[in-house]
Amino acid sequence: MPGPSPKPDSERRNRTKPTFEWTLLPATGRKGPAPKLPAKTPDRNPWSATTKSWWSKLWHTPQATQWREDDDELYRLAWLRERFWLGQATGTDQNVMLAIEDRHGLNDKAMMNLRWRIVTEEQITQARERPAADVRRRLRVVG
């Protein structure tokens, strides 16, 4: 192709600043019990043990600290997962599952897009203290 070759990665500069900062999620996950699943699935079947176990684990992930307990999409995801495990899911169901997982940070790409980072409690404490130190440093320089 004509034109100059691209710069090596080490020399590239992205001058675009992010529109919002990273959200730090505790590696220990969400505390407390998971919200209750409805008594039965939307098609009036009882939930399988697999889905109940998955639901409990889901609500103890670091991402769950950012969710609302009344989020209907998560109940829909549970129902779609149930259909998937029973071998009843269609290709459309799987696409909807992936879209819901993306909106809730349940894969690496979604975590990057949402600017969520899983960190230790110590790192969260350091991040909270850092802005105050930055302000003091700037005040000393200006003052």
C-alpha atoms as a PDB file:
ATOM      1  CA  MET A   1       0.000   0.000   0.000  1.00  0.00           C
ATOM      2  CA  PRO A   2       1.246   3.504  -0.691  1.00  0.00           C
ATOM      3  CA  GLY A   3       2.002   5.939   2.085  1.00  0.00           C
ATOM      4  CA  PRO A   4       4.071   5.808   5.226  1.00  0.00           C
ATOM      5  CA  SER A   5       4.108   2.690   7.341  1.00  0.00           C
ATOM      6  CA  PRO A   6       2.299   2.899  10.695  1.00  0.00           C
ATOM      7  CA  LYS A   7       4.209   3.928  13.802  1.00  0.00           C
ATOM      8  CA  PRO A   8       5.258   1.227  16.246  1.00  0.00           C
ATOM      9  CA  ASP A   9       2.882   0.826  19.189  1.00  0.00           C
ATOM     10  CA  SER A  10       5.419   2.406  21.547  1.00  0.00           C
ATOM     11  CA  GLU A  11       5.357   5.650  19.528  1.00  0.00           C
ATOM     12  CA  ARG A  12       1.599   5.911  19.014  1.00  0.00           C
ATOM     13  CA  ARG A  13      -0.313   8.459  21.036  1.00  0.00           C
ATOM     14  CA  ASN A  14      -3.994   8.513  21.748  1.00  0.00           C
ATOM     15  CA  ARG A  15      -4.789  12.076  22.694  1.00  0.00           C
ATOM     16  CA  THR A  16      -8.466  11.374  23.277  1.00  0.00           C
ATOM     17  CA  LYS A  17      -9.211  11.505  26.981  1.00  0.00           C
ATOM     18  CA  PRO A  18     -11.763   9.025  28.328  1.00  0.00           C
ATOM     19  CA  THR A  19     -15.182  10.529  28.956  1.00  0.00           C
ATOM     20  CA  PHE A  20     -15.360   8.916  32.394  1.00  0.00           C
ATOM     21  CA  GLU A  21     -12.941   7.303  34.823  1.00  0.00           C
ATOM     22  CA  TRP A  22     -12.582   3.646  35.711  1.00  0.00           C
ATOM     23  CA  THR A  23     -14.961   2.177  38.263  1.00  0.00           C
ATOM     24  CA  LEU A  24     -13.051   0.016  40.719  1.00  0.00           C
ATOM     25  CA  LEU A  25     -14.887  -3.154  41.732  1.00  0.00           C
ATOM     26  CA  PRO A  26     -13.951  -5.046  44.897  1.00  0.00           C
ATOM     27  CA  ALA A  27     -12.380  -8.426  44.134  1.00  0.00           C
ATOM     28  CA  THR A  28     -14.264  -9.858  47.106  1.00  0.00           C
ATOM     29  CA  GLY A  29     -17.524  -9.371  45.217  1.00  0.00           C
ATOM     30  CA  ARG A  30     -20.971  -8.324  46.377  1.00  0.00           C
ATOM     31  CA  LYS A  31     -21.904  -9.035  49.966  1.00  0.00           C
ATOM     32  CA  GLY A  32     -25.299 -10.237  51.121  1.00  0.00           C
ATOM     33  CA  PRO A  33     -27.810 -12.696  49.730  1.00  0.00           C
ATOM     34  CA  ALA A  34     -28.792 -12.877  46.075  1.00  0.00           C
ATOM     35  CA  PRO A  35     -32.245 -11.547  45.194  1.00  0.00           C
ATOM     36  CA  LYS A  36     -34.885 -14.258  45.048  1.00  0.00           C
ATOM     37  CA  LEU A  37     -35.717 -15.773  41.701  1.00  0.00           C
ATOM     38  CA  PRO A  38     -39.455 -15.789  40.946  1.00  0.00           C
ATOM     39  CA  ALA A  39     -41.185 -18.985  42.116  1.00  0.00           C
ATOM     40  CA  LYS A  40     -41.257 -20.340  38.560  1.00  0.00           C
ATOM     41  CA  THR A  41     -39.844 -19.563  35.127  1.00  0.00           C
ATOM     42  CA  PRO A  42     -41.929 -17.416  32.720  1.00  0.00           C
ATOM     43  CA  ASP A  43     -43.137 -20.644  31.102  1.00  0.00           C
ATOM     44  CA  ARG A  44     -44.351 -21.848  34.538  1.00  0.00           C
ATOM     45  CA  ASN A  45     -41.684 -24.474  35.180  1.00  0.00           C
ATOM     46  CA  PRO A  46     -39.704 -24.702  38.420  1.00  0.00           C
ATOM     47  CA  TRP A  47     -36.094 -23.469  38.241  1.00  0.00           C
ATOM     48  CA  SER A  48     -33.416 -26.145  37.910  1.00  0.00           C
ATOM     49  CA  ALA A  49     -30.764 -26.577  40.611  1.00  0.00           C
ATOM     50  CA  THR A  50     -28.162 -25.509  38.019  1.00  0.00           C
ATOM     51  CA  THR A  51     -29.873 -22.159  37.466  1.00  0.00           C
ATOM     52  CA  LYS A  52     -30.369 -21.564  41.193  1.00  0.00           C
ATOM     53  CA  SER A  53     -26.671 -22.231  41.833  1.00  0.00           C
ATOM     54  CA  TRP A  54     -25.604 -20.014  38.899  1.00  0.00           C
ATOM     55  CA  TRP A  55     -27.911 -17.195  40.140  1.00  0.00           C
ATOM     56  CA  SER A  56     -26.368 -17.270  43.604  1.00  0.00           C
ATOM     57  CA  LYS A  57     -22.817 -17.201  42.216  1.00  0.00           C
ATOM     58  CA  LEU A  58     -23.734 -14.427  39.765  1.00  0.00           C
ATOM     59  CA  TRP A  59     -24.854 -12.126  42.586  1.00  0.00           C
ATOM     60  CA  HIS A  60     -21.592 -12.573  44.471  1.00  0.00           C
ATOM     61  CA  THR A  61     -19.366 -11.402  41.599  1.00  0.00           C
ATOM     62  CA  PRO A  62     -17.575  -8.036  41.689  1.00  0.00           C
ATOM     63  CA  GLN A  63     -19.803  -6.818  38.826  1.00  0.00           C
ATOM     64  CA  ALA A  64     -22.910  -7.382  40.958  1.00  0.00           C
ATOM     65  CA  THR A  65     -21.880  -4.418  43.134  1.00  0.00           C
ATOM     66  CA  GLN A  66     -23.011  -2.195  40.238  1.00  0.00           C
ATOM     67  CA  TRP A  67     -26.419  -3.800  39.570  1.00  0.00           C
ATOM     68  CA  ARG A  68     -29.898  -3.024  40.851  1.00  0.00           C
ATOM     69  CA  GLU A  69     -31.670  -5.934  42.516  1.00  0.00           C
ATOM     70  CA  ASP A  70     -34.864  -5.200  40.580  1.00  0.00           C
ATOM     71  CA  ASP A  71     -33.185  -5.341  37.147  1.00  0.00           C
ATOM     72  CA  ASP A  72     -35.598  -7.340  34.968  1.00  0.00           C
ATOM     73  CA  GLU A  73     -32.855  -8.071  32.439  1.00  0.00           C
ATOM     74  CA  LEU A  74     -31.041 -10.263  34.936  1.00  0.00           C
ATOM     75  CA  TYR A  75     -34.202 -12.320  35.506  1.00  0.00           C
ATOM     76  CA  ARG A  76     -34.519 -12.631  31.724  1.00  0.00           C
ATOM     77  CA  LEU A  77     -30.884 -13.775  31.572  1.00  0.00           C
ATOM     78  CA  ALA A  78     -31.635 -16.453  34.187  1.00  0.00           C
ATOM     79  CA  TRP A  79     -34.586 -17.705  32.139  1.00  0.00           C
ATOM     80  CA  LEU A  80     -32.524 -17.745  28.943  1.00  0.00           C
ATOM     81  CA  ARG A  81     -29.752 -19.629  30.746  1.00  0.00           C
ATOM     82  CA  GLU A  82     -32.339 -22.122  31.973  1.00  0.00           C
ATOM     83  CA  ARG A  83     -33.510 -22.671  28.374  1.00  0.00           C
ATOM     84  CA  PHE A  84     -29.881 -22.985  27.253  1.00  0.00           C
ATOM     85  CA  TRP A  85     -29.093 -25.685  29.825  1.00  0.00           C
ATOM     86  CA  LEU A  86     -32.268 -27.562  28.887  1.00  0.00           C
ATOM     87  CA  GLY A  87     -31.256 -27.481  25.221  1.00  0.00           C
ATOM     88  CA  GLN A  88     -34.212 -25.262  24.269  1.00  0.00           C
ATOM     89  CA  ALA A  89     -32.349 -22.035  23.454  1.00  0.00           C
ATOM     90  CA  THR A  90     -32.428 -20.707  19.911  1.00  0.00           C
ATOM     91  CA  GLY A  91     -29.720 -18.690  18.195  1.00  0.00           C
ATOM     92  CA  THR A  92     -31.724 -15.549  18.970  1.00  0.00           C
ATOM     93  CA  ASP A  93     -31.857 -16.514  22.660  1.00  0.00           C
ATOM     94  CA  GLN A  94     -28.089 -16.851  22.693  1.00  0.00           C
ATOM     95  CA  ASN A  95     -27.669 -13.430  21.046  1.00  0.00           C
ATOM     96  CA  VAL A  96     -29.954 -11.866  23.658  1.00  0.00           C
ATOM     97  CA  MET A  97     -27.979 -13.588  26.437  1.00  0.00           C
ATOM     98  CA  LEU A  98     -24.739 -12.142  25.078  1.00  0.00           C
ATOM     99  CA  ALA A  99     -26.249  -8.638  24.834  1.00  0.00           C
ATOM    100  CA  ILE A 100     -27.465  -8.787  28.449  1.00  0.00           C
ATOM    101  CA  GLU A 101     -24.072 -10.098  29.593  1.00  0.00           C
ATOM    102  CA  ASP A 102     -22.396  -7.210  27.744  1.00  0.00           C
ATOM    103  CA  ARG A 103     -24.587  -4.616  29.467  1.00  0.00           C
ATOM    104  CA  HIS A 104     -23.802  -6.121  32.864  1.00  0.00           C
ATOM    105  CA  GLY A 105     -20.036  -6.532  32.478  1.00  0.00           C
ATOM    106  CA  LEU A 106     -20.027 -10.316  32.454  1.00  0.00           C
ATOM    107  CA  ASN A 107     -17.140 -10.734  30.025  1.00  0.00           C
ATOM    108  CA  ASP A 108     -13.742  -9.100  29.562  1.00  0.00           C
ATOM    109  CA  LYS A 109     -14.761  -6.947  26.598  1.00  0.00           C
ATOM    110  CA  ALA A 110     -17.813  -5.667  28.451  1.00  0.00           C
ATOM    111  CA  MET A 111     -15.675  -4.850  31.505  1.00  0.00           C
ATOM    112  CA  MET A 112     -13.366  -2.796  29.276  1.00  0.00           C
ATOM    113  CA  ASN A 113     -16.269  -0.988  27.573  1.00  0.00           C
ATOM    114  CA  LEU A 114     -17.883  -0.156  30.921  1.00  0.00           C
ATOM    115  CA  ARG A 115     -14.461   0.882  32.288  1.00  0.00           C
ATOM    116  CA  TRP A 116     -14.781  -1.501  35.219  1.00  0.00           C
ATOM    117  CA  ARG A 117     -11.656  -2.887  36.873  1.00  0.00           C
ATOM    118  CA  ILE A 118     -11.538  -5.565  39.577  1.00  0.00           C
ATOM    119  CA  VAL A 119      -9.108  -4.603  42.329  1.00  0.00           C
ATOM    120  CA  THR A 120      -8.299  -5.438  45.942  1.00  0.00           C
ATOM    121  CA  GLU A 121      -9.722  -3.467  48.851  1.00  0.00           C
ATOM    122  CA  GLU A 122      -6.255  -1.995  49.419  1.00  0.00           C
ATOM    123  CA  GLN A 123      -6.158  -0.652  45.848  1.00  0.00           C
ATOM    124  CA  ILE A 124      -9.615   0.902  46.290  1.00  0.00           C
ATOM    125  CA  THR A 125      -8.435   2.657  49.469  1.00  0.00           C
ATOM    126  CA  GLN A 126      -5.323   3.943  47.708  1.00  0.00           C
ATOM    127  CA  ALA A 127      -7.398   5.247  44.799  1.00  0.00           C
ATOM    128  CA  ARG A 128      -9.689   7.135  47.206  1.00  0.00           C
ATOM    129  CA  GLU A 129      -6.701   8.759  48.902  1.00  0.00           C
ATOM    130  CA  ARG A 130      -4.841   9.579  45.680  1.00  0.00           C
ATOM    131  CA  PRO A 131      -7.043  12.465  44.437  1.00  0.00           C
ATOM    132  CA  ALA A 132      -6.568  14.336  47.726  1.00  0.00           C
ATOM    133  CA  ALA A 133      -2.794  13.926  47.452  1.00  0.00           C
ATOM    134  CA  ASP A 134      -2.894  15.157  43.834  1.00  0.00           C
ATOM    135  CA  VAL A 135      -4.781  18.292  44.897  1.00  0.00           C
ATOM    136  CA  ARG A 136      -2.264  19.008  47.681  1.00  0.00           C
ATOM    137  CA  ARG A 137       0.609  18.555  45.226  1.00  0.00           C
ATOM    138  CA  ARG A 138      -0.964  20.992  42.778  1.00  0.00           C
ATOM    139  CA  LEU A 139      -1.604  23.508  45.538  1.00  0.00           C
ATOM    140  CA  ARG A 140       2.019  23.392  46.602  1.00  0.00           C
ATOM    141  CA  VAL A 141       3.188  23.948  43.034  1.00  0.00           C
ATOM    142  CA  VAL A 142       0.775  26.853  42.436  1.00  0.00           C
ATOM    143  CA  GLY A 143       1.154  28.297  45.940  1.00  0.00           C
END
